[in-house]
Amino acid sequence: MEKSNGLRTFINPFSETGFKILFGQTKNKNLLIDLLNTLLGEESNIEDIQYLDNELTSSVEPRETIIYDICCLTSKKEYILLGMQYKKRKSFFTQTLLYAAEILDGQTEKYEDLYDISAMYEVYLMNFEDDECNEFLNEFTFMNEKTHYMLSDKFRMLYYSIPLFKKKEEECENRLDKWIYILKNMENLSTIPWVKDDPIFYKLAQEGAIAKLSEAQYEKYCREIDQIKFTKES
């Protein structure tokens, strides 16, 4: 199949192929580390990660509605799940809780002392708006609603609603702004901004080029894009 995707230069990171190429390969783990450190905030200092073989999405939902996820373990033994979802659906937030439960449950057999259970972070990039999570960043923890007492600091869930990010390129002030701007607009950009001064974004541009896809990857990617368009219209 000839790679004639209109005037498109870069892959859609909210497709399965785009997401896994950019963030799911060991050779690109510096992209994932930089993105996670940015999304988790100033207190995050991930230096290295180990990809974990988790097929959390395979048996829960039909293929066209799954969350694309990557699960990893940091050098500090923290579990992090990064997920992308392009379609709003009723089961989304329940499903993210089930994912967290699976990972936390898997730890209990490894620790004799439950105080040593590793921290668990779930970070979701949602390419849709939701009435229940109506801010750009919606963060949840185990906290007493009245006293704000933290029941446990081992668990955080962060949901980023990408459509609620409205900044233009010239309005991006910090690294979070730049990452979200690129991810939101990447499919429609002819060039990735900030590549001259930033090796991470330079690599993102190189790895995310449609021209770099193999024929098999490109055919699969085109099917995914057709499915995304169909899903949004239905």
C-alpha atoms as a PDB file:
ATOM      1  CA  MET A   1       0.000   0.000   0.000  1.00  0.00           C
ATOM      2  CA  GLU A   2       1.393   3.385  -1.010  1.00  0.00           C
ATOM      3  CA  LYS A   3       1.861   5.799   1.895  1.00  0.00           C
ATOM      4  CA  SER A   4      -0.387   8.572   0.615  1.00  0.00           C
ATOM      5  CA  ASN A   5      -2.143   9.682   3.789  1.00  0.00           C
ATOM      6  CA  GLY A   6      -3.133  13.087   2.388  1.00  0.00           C
ATOM      7  CA  LEU A   7      -0.695  15.717   3.602  1.00  0.00           C
ATOM      8  CA  ARG A   8      -0.129  13.881   6.881  1.00  0.00           C
ATOM      9  CA  THR A   9       3.491  13.701   8.026  1.00  0.00           C
ATOM     10  CA  PHE A  10       3.184  12.190  11.505  1.00  0.00           C
ATOM     11  CA  ILE A  11       1.236   9.329  13.029  1.00  0.00           C
ATOM     12  CA  ASN A  12      -1.711   9.814  15.331  1.00  0.00           C
ATOM     13  CA  PRO A  13      -0.424   8.995  18.866  1.00  0.00           C
ATOM     14  CA  PHE A  14      -3.958   8.011  19.897  1.00  0.00           C
ATOM     15  CA  SER A  15      -3.911   5.104  17.483  1.00  0.00           C
ATOM     16  CA  GLU A  16      -2.616   1.777  18.782  1.00  0.00           C
ATOM     17  CA  THR A  17       0.231   1.734  16.265  1.00  0.00           C
ATOM     18  CA  GLY A  18       1.240   5.317  16.992  1.00  0.00           C
ATOM     19  CA  PHE A  19       1.053   4.906  20.761  1.00  0.00           C
ATOM     20  CA  LYS A  20       3.020   1.656  20.846  1.00  0.00           C
ATOM     21  CA  ILE A  21       5.692   2.890  18.389  1.00  0.00           C
ATOM     22  CA  LEU A  22       6.322   6.108  20.279  1.00  0.00           C
ATOM     23  CA  PHE A  23       6.103   4.834  23.845  1.00  0.00           C
ATOM     24  CA  GLY A  24       5.994   1.034  23.844  1.00  0.00           C
ATOM     25  CA  GLN A  25       9.440   0.181  22.501  1.00  0.00           C
ATOM     26  CA  THR A  26      12.571  -0.197  24.600  1.00  0.00           C
ATOM     27  CA  LYS A  27      14.544   1.923  22.144  1.00  0.00           C
ATOM     28  CA  ASN A  28      12.104   4.789  22.792  1.00  0.00           C
ATOM     29  CA  LYS A  29      11.847   4.459  26.552  1.00  0.00           C
ATOM     30  CA  ASN A  30      13.471   7.887  26.991  1.00  0.00           C
ATOM     31  CA  LEU A  31      10.348   9.327  25.323  1.00  0.00           C
ATOM     32  CA  LEU A  32       8.121   7.459  27.790  1.00  0.00           C
ATOM     33  CA  ILE A  33      10.245   8.487  30.790  1.00  0.00           C
ATOM     34  CA  ASP A  34      10.184  12.146  29.801  1.00  0.00           C
ATOM     35  CA  LEU A  35       6.427  12.079  29.189  1.00  0.00           C
ATOM     36  CA  LEU A  36       5.710  10.326  32.508  1.00  0.00           C
ATOM     37  CA  ASN A  37       7.922  12.700  34.494  1.00  0.00           C
ATOM     38  CA  THR A  38       6.069  15.594  32.887  1.00  0.00           C
ATOM     39  CA  LEU A  39       2.583  14.195  33.483  1.00  0.00           C
ATOM     40  CA  LEU A  40       3.249  13.097  37.071  1.00  0.00           C
ATOM     41  CA  GLY A  41       4.578  16.495  38.077  1.00  0.00           C
ATOM     42  CA  GLU A  42       7.511  17.990  39.900  1.00  0.00           C
ATOM     43  CA  GLU A  43       7.739  15.251  42.538  1.00  0.00           C
ATOM     44  CA  SER A  44       8.370  12.627  39.857  1.00  0.00           C
ATOM     45  CA  ASN A  45      11.981  11.732  39.119  1.00  0.00           C
ATOM     46  CA  ILE A  46      11.898   8.570  37.026  1.00  0.00           C
ATOM     47  CA  GLU A  47      15.404   7.663  35.913  1.00  0.00           C
ATOM     48  CA  ASP A  48      14.761   4.290  34.299  1.00  0.00           C
ATOM     49  CA  ILE A  49      11.887   1.909  33.581  1.00  0.00           C
ATOM     50  CA  GLN A  50      11.299  -1.738  32.860  1.00  0.00           C
ATOM     51  CA  TYR A  51       8.472  -2.598  30.476  1.00  0.00           C
ATOM     52  CA  LEU A  52       6.093  -5.176  31.940  1.00  0.00           C
ATOM     53  CA  ASP A  53       4.196  -7.714  29.879  1.00  0.00           C
ATOM     54  CA  ASN A  54       0.633  -6.857  30.802  1.00  0.00           C
ATOM     55  CA  GLU A  55      -2.289  -7.508  28.469  1.00  0.00           C
ATOM     56  CA  LEU A  56      -4.837  -5.728  30.606  1.00  0.00           C
ATOM     57  CA  THR A  57      -7.043  -4.745  27.692  1.00  0.00           C
ATOM     58  CA  SER A  58      -7.211  -7.988  25.765  1.00  0.00           C
ATOM     59  CA  SER A  59     -10.148  -9.719  27.462  1.00  0.00           C
ATOM     60  CA  VAL A  60     -12.174  -6.859  28.905  1.00  0.00           C
ATOM     61  CA  GLU A  61     -13.603  -4.886  25.994  1.00  0.00           C
ATOM     62  CA  PRO A  62     -14.191  -5.331  22.252  1.00  0.00           C
ATOM     63  CA  ARG A  63     -11.102  -4.390  20.293  1.00  0.00           C
ATOM     64  CA  GLU A  64     -12.530  -1.172  18.906  1.00  0.00           C
ATOM     65  CA  THR A  65     -13.117   0.304  22.368  1.00  0.00           C
ATOM     66  CA  ILE A  66     -10.087  -0.741  24.373  1.00  0.00           C
ATOM     67  CA  ILE A  67      -7.678   1.516  26.169  1.00  0.00           C
ATOM     68  CA  TYR A  68      -4.191   1.324  24.726  1.00  0.00           C
ATOM     69  CA  ASP A  69      -1.927   0.901  27.716  1.00  0.00           C
ATOM     70  CA  ILE A  70       1.691   0.460  28.682  1.00  0.00           C
ATOM     71  CA  CYS A  71       2.625  -0.816  32.117  1.00  0.00           C
ATOM     72  CA  CYS A  72       6.115  -0.324  33.483  1.00  0.00           C
ATOM     73  CA  LEU A  73       8.145  -0.553  36.671  1.00  0.00           C
ATOM     74  CA  THR A  74      10.501   2.273  37.585  1.00  0.00           C
ATOM     75  CA  SER A  75      13.971   1.876  39.061  1.00  0.00           C
ATOM     76  CA  LYS A  76      12.372   2.918  42.388  1.00  0.00           C
ATOM     77  CA  LYS A  77       9.963  -0.059  42.089  1.00  0.00           C
ATOM     78  CA  GLU A  78       6.930   2.111  41.350  1.00  0.00           C
ATOM     79  CA  TYR A  79       4.266   0.713  39.037  1.00  0.00           C
ATOM     80  CA  ILE A  80       3.022   3.095  36.359  1.00  0.00           C
ATOM     81  CA  LEU A  81       0.274   2.487  33.838  1.00  0.00           C
ATOM     82  CA  LEU A  82       0.039   4.947  30.948  1.00  0.00           C
ATOM     83  CA  GLY A  83      -3.175   4.657  28.969  1.00  0.00           C
ATOM     84  CA  MET A  84      -4.651   6.397  25.954  1.00  0.00           C
ATOM     85  CA  GLN A  85      -8.328   6.393  25.058  1.00  0.00           C
ATOM     86  CA  TYR A  86      -9.862   8.132  22.064  1.00  0.00           C
ATOM     87  CA  LYS A  87     -13.549   7.387  22.667  1.00  0.00           C
ATOM     88  CA  LYS A  88     -15.868   8.296  25.518  1.00  0.00           C
ATOM     89  CA  ARG A  89     -17.863   5.372  26.897  1.00  0.00           C
ATOM     90  CA  LYS A  90     -19.689   4.511  30.091  1.00  0.00           C
ATOM     91  CA  SER A  91     -17.316   1.783  31.205  1.00  0.00           C
ATOM     92  CA  PHE A  92     -14.106   3.808  30.893  1.00  0.00           C
ATOM     93  CA  PHE A  93     -13.568   4.891  34.505  1.00  0.00           C
ATOM     94  CA  THR A  94     -14.739   1.554  35.914  1.00  0.00           C
ATOM     95  CA  GLN A  95     -12.299  -0.178  33.615  1.00  0.00           C
ATOM     96  CA  THR A  96      -9.392   1.968  34.824  1.00  0.00           C
ATOM     97  CA  LEU A  97     -10.221   0.961  38.406  1.00  0.00           C
ATOM     98  CA  LEU A  98     -10.210  -2.694  37.391  1.00  0.00           C
ATOM     99  CA  TYR A  99      -6.772  -2.258  35.834  1.00  0.00           C
ATOM    100  CA  ALA A 100      -5.439  -0.741  39.036  1.00  0.00           C
ATOM    101  CA  ALA A 101      -6.947  -3.559  41.074  1.00  0.00           C
ATOM    102  CA  GLU A 102      -5.285  -6.164  38.842  1.00  0.00           C
ATOM    103  CA  ILE A 103      -1.863  -4.600  39.279  1.00  0.00           C
ATOM    104  CA  LEU A 104      -2.229  -4.043  43.027  1.00  0.00           C
ATOM    105  CA  ASP A 105      -3.554  -7.570  43.520  1.00  0.00           C
ATOM    106  CA  GLY A 106      -0.559  -8.943  41.669  1.00  0.00           C
ATOM    107  CA  GLN A 107       1.755  -7.379  44.220  1.00  0.00           C
ATOM    108  CA  THR A 108       0.290  -9.005  47.314  1.00  0.00           C
ATOM    109  CA  GLU A 109       1.943 -12.361  46.644  1.00  0.00           C
ATOM    110  CA  LYS A 110       5.382 -10.744  46.421  1.00  0.00           C
ATOM    111  CA  TYR A 111       5.454  -8.947  49.759  1.00  0.00           C
ATOM    112  CA  GLU A 112       5.440 -10.416  53.239  1.00  0.00           C
ATOM    113  CA  ASP A 113       5.211  -6.907  54.698  1.00  0.00           C
ATOM    114  CA  LEU A 114       2.293  -5.010  53.164  1.00  0.00           C
ATOM    115  CA  TYR A 115       3.933  -1.729  54.175  1.00  0.00           C
ATOM    116  CA  ASP A 116       6.442  -2.428  51.423  1.00  0.00           C
ATOM    117  CA  ILE A 117       3.897  -2.551  48.600  1.00  0.00           C
ATOM    118  CA  SER A 118       5.056  -0.365  45.750  1.00  0.00           C
ATOM    119  CA  ALA A 119       3.335   2.843  44.746  1.00  0.00           C
ATOM    120  CA  MET A 120       0.900   2.600  41.846  1.00  0.00           C
ATOM    121  CA  TYR A 121       0.267   5.428  39.412  1.00  0.00           C
ATOM    122  CA  GLU A 122      -2.282   5.400  36.602  1.00  0.00           C
ATOM    123  CA  VAL A 123      -2.058   8.159  34.017  1.00  0.00           C
ATOM    124  CA  TYR A 124      -4.637   8.433  31.256  1.00  0.00           C
ATOM    125  CA  LEU A 125      -4.648  10.680  28.209  1.00  0.00           C
ATOM    126  CA  MET A 126      -8.290  10.969  27.165  1.00  0.00           C
ATOM    127  CA  ASN A 127      -8.979  12.285  23.690  1.00  0.00           C
ATOM    128  CA  PHE A 128     -12.531  13.213  24.707  1.00  0.00           C
ATOM    129  CA  GLU A 129     -14.406  15.386  27.198  1.00  0.00           C
ATOM    130  CA  ASP A 130     -16.360  13.971  30.122  1.00  0.00           C
ATOM    131  CA  ASP A 131     -18.920  15.597  32.420  1.00  0.00           C
ATOM    132  CA  GLU A 132     -17.482  13.850  35.488  1.00  0.00           C
ATOM    133  CA  CYS A 133     -13.896  14.836  34.713  1.00  0.00           C
ATOM    134  CA  ASN A 134     -14.449  18.321  33.375  1.00  0.00           C
ATOM    135  CA  GLU A 135     -11.007  19.783  34.040  1.00  0.00           C
ATOM    136  CA  PHE A 136      -7.908  19.410  31.904  1.00  0.00           C
ATOM    137  CA  LEU A 137      -6.299  17.460  34.776  1.00  0.00           C
ATOM    138  CA  ASN A 138      -8.428  15.396  37.140  1.00  0.00           C
ATOM    139  CA  GLU A 139      -6.479  13.676  39.946  1.00  0.00           C
ATOM    140  CA  PHE A 140      -7.809  11.074  42.377  1.00  0.00           C
ATOM    141  CA  THR A 141      -6.282   9.577  45.512  1.00  0.00           C
ATOM    142  CA  PHE A 142      -7.498   7.689  48.593  1.00  0.00           C
ATOM    143  CA  MET A 143      -8.387  10.723  50.693  1.00  0.00           C
ATOM    144  CA  ASN A 144     -11.017  11.516  53.304  1.00  0.00           C
ATOM    145  CA  GLU A 145     -13.453  13.850  51.592  1.00  0.00           C
ATOM    146  CA  LYS A 146     -14.025  15.989  54.706  1.00  0.00           C
ATOM    147  CA  THR A 147     -10.683  16.006  56.522  1.00  0.00           C
ATOM    148  CA  HIS A 148      -8.417  15.480  53.471  1.00  0.00           C
ATOM    149  CA  TYR A 149      -6.574  12.801  55.449  1.00  0.00           C
ATOM    150  CA  MET A 150      -4.614  10.667  52.981  1.00  0.00           C
ATOM    151  CA  LEU A 151      -5.566   7.040  53.565  1.00  0.00           C
ATOM    152  CA  SER A 152      -2.627   5.902  51.446  1.00  0.00           C
ATOM    153  CA  ASP A 153       0.008   7.654  49.385  1.00  0.00           C
ATOM    154  CA  LYS A 154       0.595   4.505  47.355  1.00  0.00           C
ATOM    155  CA  PHE A 155      -2.075   5.222  44.762  1.00  0.00           C
ATOM    156  CA  ARG A 156      -2.736   8.085  42.333  1.00  0.00           C
ATOM    157  CA  MET A 157      -4.918   8.278  39.235  1.00  0.00           C
ATOM    158  CA  LEU A 158      -4.504  11.165  36.822  1.00  0.00           C
ATOM    159  CA  TYR A 159      -6.853  11.796  33.911  1.00  0.00           C
ATOM    160  CA  TYR A 160      -5.874  14.378  31.295  1.00  0.00           C
ATOM    161  CA  SER A 161      -8.712  15.500  29.030  1.00  0.00           C
ATOM    162  CA  ILE A 162      -6.826  16.520  25.898  1.00  0.00           C
ATOM    163  CA  PRO A 163      -9.659  18.465  24.160  1.00  0.00           C
ATOM    164  CA  LEU A 164      -9.779  20.849  27.135  1.00  0.00           C
ATOM    165  CA  PHE A 165      -6.223  21.952  26.378  1.00  0.00           C
ATOM    166  CA  LYS A 166      -6.772  25.072  24.259  1.00  0.00           C
ATOM    167  CA  LYS A 167      -3.330  26.649  24.018  1.00  0.00           C
ATOM    168  CA  LYS A 168      -1.752  27.470  20.683  1.00  0.00           C
ATOM    169  CA  GLU A 169       1.917  26.759  19.969  1.00  0.00           C
ATOM    170  CA  GLU A 170       3.060  30.285  20.864  1.00  0.00           C
ATOM    171  CA  GLU A 171       1.144  30.103  24.169  1.00  0.00           C
ATOM    172  CA  CYS A 172       2.910  26.984  25.461  1.00  0.00           C
ATOM    173  CA  GLU A 173       4.959  28.002  28.483  1.00  0.00           C
ATOM    174  CA  ASN A 174       6.253  24.812  30.077  1.00  0.00           C
ATOM    175  CA  ARG A 175       7.069  21.202  29.232  1.00  0.00           C
ATOM    176  CA  LEU A 176       3.577  19.927  30.008  1.00  0.00           C
ATOM    177  CA  ASP A 177       2.105  22.481  27.607  1.00  0.00           C
ATOM    178  CA  LYS A 178       4.527  21.410  24.883  1.00  0.00           C
ATOM    179  CA  TRP A 179       3.922  17.685  25.313  1.00  0.00           C
ATOM    180  CA  ILE A 180       0.139  18.050  25.284  1.00  0.00           C
ATOM    181  CA  TYR A 181       0.189  20.448  22.348  1.00  0.00           C
ATOM    182  CA  ILE A 182       2.230  17.989  20.287  1.00  0.00           C
ATOM    183  CA  LEU A 183       0.176  14.930  21.226  1.00  0.00           C
ATOM    184  CA  LYS A 184      -3.097  16.729  20.538  1.00  0.00           C
ATOM    185  CA  ASN A 185      -2.018  18.132  17.166  1.00  0.00           C
ATOM    186  CA  MET A 186       0.664  15.707  15.990  1.00  0.00           C
ATOM    187  CA  GLU A 187      -1.415  14.036  13.296  1.00  0.00           C
ATOM    188  CA  ASN A 188      -2.067  17.404  11.632  1.00  0.00           C
ATOM    189  CA  LEU A 189       1.387  18.983  12.004  1.00  0.00           C
ATOM    190  CA  SER A 190       3.801  19.312   9.102  1.00  0.00           C
ATOM    191  CA  THR A 191       6.708  19.871  11.509  1.00  0.00           C
ATOM    192  CA  ILE A 192       7.096  19.207  15.241  1.00  0.00           C
ATOM    193  CA  PRO A 193       7.844  22.430  17.135  1.00  0.00           C
ATOM    194  CA  TRP A 194      10.825  22.850  19.470  1.00  0.00           C
ATOM    195  CA  VAL A 195      12.867  20.092  17.811  1.00  0.00           C
ATOM    196  CA  LYS A 196      15.916  22.319  17.284  1.00  0.00           C
ATOM    197  CA  ASP A 197      16.421  22.879  21.001  1.00  0.00           C
ATOM    198  CA  ASP A 198      15.075  19.650  22.462  1.00  0.00           C
ATOM    199  CA  PRO A 199      16.462  16.158  21.706  1.00  0.00           C
ATOM    200  CA  ILE A 200      13.341  14.457  23.087  1.00  0.00           C
ATOM    201  CA  PHE A 201      11.022  16.251  20.684  1.00  0.00           C
ATOM    202  CA  TYR A 202      13.535  15.723  17.880  1.00  0.00           C
ATOM    203  CA  LYS A 203      13.411  11.983  18.518  1.00  0.00           C
ATOM    204  CA  LEU A 204       9.617  12.110  18.774  1.00  0.00           C
ATOM    205  CA  ALA A 205       9.516  13.658  15.302  1.00  0.00           C
ATOM    206  CA  GLN A 206      11.877  11.031  13.906  1.00  0.00           C
ATOM    207  CA  GLU A 207      10.071   8.049  15.428  1.00  0.00           C
ATOM    208  CA  GLY A 208       6.618   9.410  14.650  1.00  0.00           C
ATOM    209  CA  ALA A 209       7.129   9.942  10.933  1.00  0.00           C
ATOM    210  CA  ILE A 210       4.599   8.080   8.805  1.00  0.00           C
ATOM    211  CA  ALA A 211       7.291   7.536   6.175  1.00  0.00           C
ATOM    212  CA  LYS A 212       9.186   5.389   8.688  1.00  0.00           C
ATOM    213  CA  LEU A 213       6.387   2.825   9.007  1.00  0.00           C
ATOM    214  CA  SER A 214       6.851  -0.549   7.376  1.00  0.00           C
ATOM    215  CA  GLU A 215       4.249  -1.598   4.824  1.00  0.00           C
ATOM    216  CA  ALA A 216       2.583  -3.892   7.365  1.00  0.00           C
ATOM    217  CA  GLN A 217       2.575  -1.177  10.034  1.00  0.00           C
ATOM    218  CA  TYR A 218       1.160   1.335   7.598  1.00  0.00           C
ATOM    219  CA  GLU A 219      -1.691  -0.941   6.530  1.00  0.00           C
ATOM    220  CA  LYS A 220      -2.556  -1.642  10.169  1.00  0.00           C
ATOM    221  CA  TYR A 221      -2.308   2.068  11.002  1.00  0.00           C
ATOM    222  CA  CYS A 222      -4.698   3.014   8.167  1.00  0.00           C
ATOM    223  CA  ARG A 223      -7.249   0.504   9.459  1.00  0.00           C
ATOM    224  CA  GLU A 224      -6.961   2.011  12.937  1.00  0.00           C
ATOM    225  CA  ILE A 225      -7.460   5.551  11.632  1.00  0.00           C
ATOM    226  CA  ASP A 226     -10.539   4.429   9.705  1.00  0.00           C
ATOM    227  CA  GLN A 227     -11.853   2.820  12.892  1.00  0.00           C
ATOM    228  CA  ILE A 228     -11.196   5.993  14.920  1.00  0.00           C
ATOM    229  CA  LYS A 229     -13.065   8.106  12.351  1.00  0.00           C
ATOM    230  CA  PHE A 230     -15.950   5.637  12.278  1.00  0.00           C
ATOM    231  CA  THR A 231     -16.112   5.536  16.086  1.00  0.00           C
ATOM    232  CA  LYS A 232     -16.178   9.313  16.396  1.00  0.00           C
ATOM    233  CA  GLU A 233     -18.955   9.590  13.826  1.00  0.00           C
ATOM    234  CA  SER A 234     -21.092   6.834  15.334  1.00  0.00           C
END
